[in-house]
C-alpha cells in the first residue's frame, strides 16, 4: 500500500482539536506491505484516543518517519497524560 493516503487533508474533529501531520519526504513514495484497512483502523483508534485525552482546542500530531528497514507512525497529543494511579497498573 502506498502512503499517499496520509497526505494532510482537513478533517473535522471533536472538541475543536487540531490534527496535524508530519510525514518524511521519502514516505510518500514508500510501499508498505500491510493491510491498508487495518493500518487505517489502528491510526484512527490512536487519533480518537488522543482527541479524547485533550482539552478543547488541543492538538494531535501524527508523524510518519522512515528509514532503511522500517516505518514509524507516532501519534502525540498535548493532553495531561495518564493519572499516576493508572500508570502504576
Protein backbone atom coordinates (compact mmCIF):
# COMPACT_ATOMS: atom_id res chain seq x y z
CA UNK A 1 0.00 0.00 0.00
CA UNK A 2 1.30 3.45 -0.81
CA UNK A 3 1.34 6.03 1.97
CA UNK A 4 -0.17 8.76 -0.22
CA UNK A 5 -3.45 8.49 1.70
CA UNK A 6 -1.69 10.09 4.68
CA UNK A 7 -1.29 13.40 2.89
CA UNK A 8 -2.71 16.21 5.02
CA UNK A 9 -6.40 16.78 4.43
CA UNK A 10 -8.70 18.96 6.51
CA UNK A 11 -10.87 16.79 8.72
CA UNK A 12 -13.40 17.94 11.30
CA UNK A 13 -12.67 16.62 14.78
CA UNK A 14 -14.49 16.53 18.09
CA UNK A 15 -13.78 19.26 20.63
CA UNK A 16 -12.19 21.55 18.03
CA UNK A 17 -8.95 19.56 18.15
CA UNK A 18 -6.28 20.35 15.60
CA UNK A 19 -4.89 17.27 13.89
CA UNK A 20 -1.56 17.90 12.17
CA UNK A 21 0.54 15.58 10.05
CA UNK A 22 4.30 15.48 9.65
CA UNK A 23 5.41 12.99 7.01
CA UNK A 24 9.01 12.29 5.99
CA UNK A 25 9.68 13.23 2.37
CA UNK A 26 10.55 9.63 1.46
CA UNK A 27 7.32 8.24 2.91
CA UNK A 28 5.15 9.46 0.04
CA UNK A 29 6.73 7.02 -2.43
CA UNK A 30 7.13 4.17 0.06
CA UNK A 31 5.16 0.98 -0.40
CA UNK A 32 4.15 -0.71 2.84
CA UNK A 33 3.23 -4.40 2.68
CA UNK A 34 0.30 -4.35 5.06
CA UNK A 35 -3.47 -4.37 5.00
CA UNK A 36 -4.41 -0.71 4.39
CA UNK A 37 -7.75 -1.08 6.20
CA UNK A 38 -6.06 -2.43 9.33
CA UNK A 39 -3.35 0.25 9.30
CA UNK A 40 -6.00 2.94 8.87
CA UNK A 41 -8.10 1.46 11.70
CA UNK A 42 -5.08 1.47 14.03
CA UNK A 43 -4.33 5.12 13.21
CA UNK A 44 -7.98 6.13 13.59
CA UNK A 45 -8.15 4.42 17.01
CA UNK A 46 -4.95 6.10 18.18
CA UNK A 47 -6.13 9.50 16.95
CA UNK A 48 -9.56 9.05 18.57
CA UNK A 49 -7.88 8.17 21.88
CA UNK A 50 -5.63 11.22 21.61
CA UNK A 51 -8.56 13.51 20.78
CA UNK A 52 -10.48 12.15 23.77
CA UNK A 53 -7.48 12.93 26.03
CA UNK A 54 -7.10 16.61 25.17
CA UNK A 55 -8.99 19.73 26.14
CA UNK A 56 -10.94 21.86 23.68
CA UNK A 57 -8.61 23.43 21.16
CA UNK A 58 -5.88 20.87 21.85
CA UNK A 59 -3.50 19.43 19.30
CA UNK A 60 -2.90 15.92 17.99
CA UNK A 61 0.11 15.31 15.77
CA UNK A 62 0.54 12.29 13.51
CA UNK A 63 4.09 11.74 12.30
CA UNK A 64 5.45 9.21 9.83
CA UNK A 65 9.17 8.57 9.68
CA UNK A 66 11.01 6.09 7.51
CA UNK A 67 14.47 4.59 7.48
CA UNK A 68 16.06 1.75 5.56
CA UNK A 69 14.20 -1.01 7.40
CA UNK A 70 11.07 0.43 9.00
CA UNK A 71 8.19 2.86 9.01
CA UNK A 72 7.24 4.52 12.28
CA UNK A 73 3.83 6.03 12.96
CA UNK A 74 3.67 8.33 16.00
CA UNK A 75 0.52 9.86 17.45
CA UNK A 76 1.14 12.57 20.07
CA UNK A 77 -1.25 14.87 21.88
CA UNK A 78 -0.90 17.78 24.24
CA UNK A 79 -3.25 16.30 26.83
CA UNK A 80 -2.38 15.96 30.53
CA UNK A 81 -1.27 12.32 30.26
CA UNK A 82 -2.34 9.38 32.34
CA UNK A 83 -3.15 9.73 36.01
CA UNK A 84 -0.37 8.32 38.23
CA UNK A 85 -2.73 5.60 39.54
CA UNK A 86 -3.46 4.42 36.00
CA UNK A 87 0.22 4.44 35.05
CA UNK A 88 1.02 2.30 38.09
CA UNK A 89 -1.09 -0.58 36.76
